Protein backbone atom coordinates (compact mmCIF):
# COMPACT_ATOMS: atom_id res chain seq x y z
CA MET A 1 -13.79 22.47 -0.65
CA SER A 2 -10.10 22.52 0.20
CA ILE A 3 -7.81 19.49 0.17
CA LEU A 4 -7.88 19.48 3.96
CA ASP A 5 -11.68 19.57 3.95
CA ASN A 6 -11.72 16.63 1.54
CA PHE A 7 -9.36 14.68 3.78
CA ILE A 8 -11.45 15.35 6.88
CA THR A 9 -14.58 14.20 5.03
CA ILE A 10 -12.87 10.95 4.00
CA LYS A 11 -11.50 10.47 7.50
CA ASN A 12 -14.97 10.87 8.99
CA ASN A 13 -16.48 8.48 6.43
CA VAL A 14 -13.86 5.82 7.13
CA SER A 15 -14.22 6.23 10.90
CA PHE A 16 -17.99 5.82 10.59
CA LEU A 17 -17.54 2.56 8.68
CA SER A 18 -14.72 1.08 10.76
CA ASN A 19 -12.53 1.74 13.77
CA ASN A 20 -9.83 -0.55 12.38
CA THR A 21 -9.11 0.96 8.96
CA LYS A 22 -6.22 3.31 8.30
CA ILE A 23 -6.14 5.82 5.44
CA ILE A 24 -3.09 5.90 3.21
CA VAL A 25 -3.17 9.32 1.57
CA VAL A 26 -1.89 8.70 -1.97
CA THR A 27 0.29 11.64 -2.92
CA LYS A 28 1.68 10.63 -6.32
CA THR A 29 2.17 13.59 -8.70
CA PHE A 30 1.44 16.14 -5.96
CA ASP A 31 4.19 18.30 -4.49
CA ILE A 32 5.01 18.51 -0.83
CA ASN A 33 3.42 21.96 -0.41
CA THR A 34 0.09 20.48 -1.48
CA ILE A 35 0.45 17.67 1.06
CA THR A 36 1.68 19.75 4.01
CA PRO A 37 -1.78 20.71 5.39
CA ILE A 38 -2.59 17.03 5.88
CA ILE A 39 0.76 16.39 7.58
CA ALA A 40 0.16 19.42 9.80
CA CYS A 41 -3.15 18.06 11.06
CA GLY A 42 -1.39 14.96 12.36
CA HIS A 43 -1.86 12.35 9.65
CA ASN A 44 1.12 10.02 9.26
CA ASP A 45 0.43 7.46 6.49
CA PHE A 46 1.24 8.49 2.92
CA GLY A 47 1.51 6.43 -0.25
CA GLU A 48 3.62 6.79 -3.38
CA ASN A 49 3.66 4.81 -6.62
CA LYS A 50 7.19 5.52 -7.82
CA VAL A 51 10.40 5.24 -5.84
CA GLN A 52 12.25 8.07 -7.55
CA GLU A 53 9.40 10.54 -7.15
CA ALA A 54 9.12 9.61 -3.49
CA ILE A 55 12.83 10.18 -2.88
CA LEU A 56 12.73 13.66 -4.39
CA LYS A 57 9.57 14.59 -2.52
CA TRP A 58 10.07 13.08 0.93
CA GLN A 59 13.78 12.73 1.52
CA PRO A 60 14.36 16.44 2.25
CA ILE A 61 11.70 16.56 5.01
CA ILE A 62 11.22 13.09 6.42
CA ALA A 63 13.66 13.62 9.29
CA ASN A 64 11.38 16.42 10.53
CA TYR A 65 8.46 14.00 10.98
CA PRO A 66 9.61 10.95 12.98
CA ASP A 67 6.08 9.46 13.14
CA LEU A 68 5.49 9.66 9.40
CA LYS A 69 5.11 6.33 7.59
CA LEU A 70 5.71 5.98 3.86
CA HIS A 71 3.96 3.26 1.89
CA LEU A 72 5.04 2.12 -1.57
CA ILE A 73 1.80 1.11 -3.24
CA GLY A 74 2.93 0.94 -6.88
CA HIS A 75 4.79 -1.78 -8.74
CA LEU A 76 8.36 -2.15 -7.50
CA GLN A 77 11.06 -2.96 -10.03
CA SER A 78 13.91 -5.05 -8.65
CA ASN A 79 16.50 -2.40 -9.60
CA LYS A 80 14.69 0.08 -7.33
CA ALA A 81 14.54 -2.25 -4.32
CA LYS A 82 17.66 -0.83 -2.66
CA ASP A 83 16.28 2.72 -2.66
CA ALA A 84 12.83 1.50 -1.62
CA VAL A 85 14.14 -0.28 1.46
CA LYS A 86 16.02 2.83 2.54
CA LEU A 87 13.04 5.18 2.27
CA PHE A 88 9.81 3.26 2.82
CA ASP A 89 8.29 1.70 5.92
CA TYR A 90 5.71 -0.45 4.10
CA ILE A 91 5.68 -2.08 0.67
CA HIS A 92 2.25 -3.10 -0.59
CA SER A 93 3.35 -4.64 -3.87
CA LEU A 94 5.56 -7.64 -3.11
CA SER A 95 4.87 -9.67 -6.22
CA SER A 96 7.61 -12.20 -7.04
CA GLU A 97 10.17 -14.55 -5.54
CA LYS A 98 12.97 -12.65 -7.25
CA LEU A 99 11.88 -9.37 -5.67
CA ALA A 100 11.43 -11.00 -2.26
CA ASN A 101 15.00 -12.31 -2.30
CA ILE A 102 16.40 -8.91 -3.26
CA LEU A 103 14.40 -7.14 -0.54
CA MET A 104 15.64 -9.62 2.06
CA LYS A 105 19.26 -8.93 1.11
CA GLU A 106 18.76 -5.16 1.13
CA GLU A 107 17.15 -5.32 4.58
CA GLN A 108 20.14 -7.24 5.90
CA LEU A 109 22.62 -4.78 4.42
CA ILE A 110 21.18 -1.76 6.21
CA LYS A 111 19.69 -3.64 9.20
CA LYS A 112 16.17 -2.40 8.62
CA LYS A 113 12.89 -4.33 8.73
CA LEU A 114 9.96 -3.27 6.56
CA ARG A 115 6.37 -4.43 6.66
CA TYR A 116 5.08 -6.10 3.51
CA PHE A 117 1.82 -6.84 1.78
CA ILE A 118 1.87 -9.55 -0.87
CA GLN A 119 0.00 -8.45 -3.98
CA VAL A 120 -2.44 -11.06 -5.28
CA ASN A 121 -3.32 -11.13 -8.97
CA PHE A 122 -6.87 -12.37 -9.49
CA THR A 123 -6.82 -12.01 -13.28
CA ASN A 124 -3.86 -14.35 -13.95
CA SER A 125 -2.82 -11.79 -16.54
CA LYS A 126 0.88 -11.27 -17.14
CA GLU A 127 0.08 -7.58 -17.68
CA ARG A 128 -0.81 -7.25 -14.00
CA SER A 129 1.61 -7.67 -11.13
CA GLY A 130 1.00 -10.07 -8.31
CA ILE A 131 1.09 -13.66 -7.15
CA GLU A 132 -1.52 -15.95 -8.66
CA VAL A 133 -4.18 -17.17 -6.26
CA ASN A 134 -3.10 -20.82 -6.39
CA GLU A 135 0.48 -19.84 -5.54
CA ALA A 136 -0.34 -17.41 -2.72
CA ALA A 137 -0.11 -19.82 0.23
CA SER A 138 3.28 -21.26 -0.75
CA PHE A 139 4.68 -17.81 -1.49
CA ILE A 140 3.52 -16.47 1.88
CA LYS A 141 5.25 -19.38 3.66
CA TYR A 142 8.42 -18.90 1.62
CA CYS A 143 8.65 -15.20 2.44
CA ILE A 144 8.02 -15.72 6.16
CA ASN A 145 9.85 -18.96 6.86
CA ASP A 146 12.75 -18.88 4.39
CA LEU A 147 13.41 -15.15 4.00
CA ASN A 148 12.23 -13.88 7.39
CA LEU A 149 10.33 -11.03 5.76
CA GLN A 150 7.71 -9.34 7.91
CA ILE A 151 4.61 -10.20 5.89
CA ILE A 152 1.65 -8.53 7.55
CA GLY A 153 -1.06 -8.92 4.93
CA LEU A 154 -2.30 -9.04 1.35
CA MET A 155 -3.08 -6.41 -1.27
CA CYS A 156 -5.16 -6.47 -4.43
CA ILE A 157 -6.40 -4.20 -7.19
CA PRO A 158 -9.68 -5.52 -8.63
CA PRO A 159 -10.07 -5.55 -12.41
CA LEU A 160 -11.38 -2.31 -13.85
CA ASN A 161 -15.08 -2.04 -14.65
CA GLU A 162 -16.01 -4.98 -12.44
CA GLN A 163 -17.76 -5.05 -9.09
CA PRO A 164 -14.97 -5.34 -6.53
CA ASP A 165 -16.80 -7.18 -3.72
CA ALA A 166 -16.03 -10.71 -4.87
CA TYR A 167 -12.33 -9.92 -5.12
CA PHE A 168 -12.21 -8.25 -1.71
CA LEU A 169 -14.01 -11.21 -0.16
CA GLN A 170 -11.63 -13.67 -1.79
CA LEU A 171 -8.59 -11.75 -0.59
CA LYS A 172 -9.97 -11.77 2.95
CA LYS A 173 -10.41 -15.55 2.78
CA ILE A 174 -6.84 -16.08 1.57
CA ALA A 175 -5.50 -13.86 4.36
CA TYR A 176 -7.55 -15.70 6.99
CA LYS A 177 -6.36 -19.12 5.81
CA ASN A 178 -2.76 -17.93 6.05
CA ASN A 179 -3.04 -16.21 9.44
CA LEU A 180 -2.54 -12.70 8.06
CA ASN A 181 -4.42 -9.87 9.74
CA GLU A 182 -3.96 -6.90 7.42
CA LEU A 183 -5.68 -6.17 4.11
CA SER A 184 -4.65 -3.36 1.77
CA MET A 185 -7.65 -2.97 -0.49
CA GLY A 186 -9.92 -0.19 -1.58
CA MET A 187 -9.24 3.11 -3.32
CA SER A 188 -11.17 6.32 -3.85
CA ASN A 189 -14.01 4.76 -5.83
CA ASP A 190 -14.48 1.52 -3.89
CA TYR A 191 -13.20 2.00 -0.34
CA HIS A 192 -16.71 1.62 1.08
CA HIS A 193 -16.87 -1.89 -0.41
CA ALA A 194 -13.38 -2.74 0.81
CA ILE A 195 -14.08 -1.68 4.40
CA LYS A 196 -17.24 -3.79 4.37
CA HIS A 197 -15.04 -6.80 3.65
CA GLY A 198 -12.49 -6.04 6.35
CA SER A 199 -9.90 -3.77 4.74
CA THR A 200 -7.45 -2.40 7.29
CA TYR A 201 -5.71 0.01 4.88
CA VAL A 202 -7.46 2.00 2.16
CA ARG A 203 -5.43 3.89 -0.46
CA ILE A 204 -7.13 7.19 -1.25
CA GLY A 205 -5.86 9.95 -3.50
CA SER A 206 -8.29 11.50 -5.98
CA LYS A 207 -11.12 11.91 -3.44
CA ILE A 208 -8.72 14.10 -1.46
CA PHE A 209 -6.63 15.91 -4.07
CA GLY A 210 -8.88 15.75 -7.11
CA GLU A 211 -8.08 14.11 -10.43
CA ARG A 212 -4.42 14.03 -11.39
CA LYS A 213 -3.26 15.91 -14.46
CA ASN A 214 -0.22 13.70 -14.90
CA GLN A 215 -0.29 9.97 -14.20
C-alpha cells in the first residue's frame, strides 16, 4: 500500500471511532516530497519533533498552504522557543514554568498567539518531560491567568510496555477538573485506546509512513 493509502485507512479508522478526533500526521525524518500526497488530498495538521528539522522542511512551502497547521509534538528546549513560536501553530509539549515564561515573551514580541497542550508526566521521572500530576492544576492556572497563554488541553506519553488506558483515563480526568476540552494522546500503536478515552488529537506517523530509519 502507498503512503496515501495508509493515511486514508487511518483516517477511516479514526472517523469510525470518533467524529471529534483530529489526526496529526507525524512527519519527522521524512522529506517534503514524501508528505506532499497527504497535503494534496486536503489534510492540514502535521507534527514535527524537532524545531530545526521543521524549519528546513516547512519554511520554504508553508506560505503556499494557508490552512496548514504545524504542531510541535517533541520536547522543546528553551533556546529553541523563539523559532518555535515563529513557525508552529500548536505546541503539545509545554512542560515547565521556565519554558512557559519564555514562550509568553516570544508571543508578545511577534504578536502571535499559539495554542498549547501541557504535557503531564505520570512517571515522575526526571528523564521524562512534563509537569507532575500533583502540580498540574496550579501550573494550568499559572499559564492561563498569569501568562495569558492559550492553554487548550493536556498531552501525555504513557510509559513504554504498559497498558495505556489508565494513563489516558487519568489525563482525561485532570483535563475535566481544569475545564480543558482538548486531549493530545494516542500514537500509531495505541490510538484506538486513546480515542476510547476521549482523545481529540492523535499523533500518527509509523502507521502512515512505515518505520523510520533514522530517529
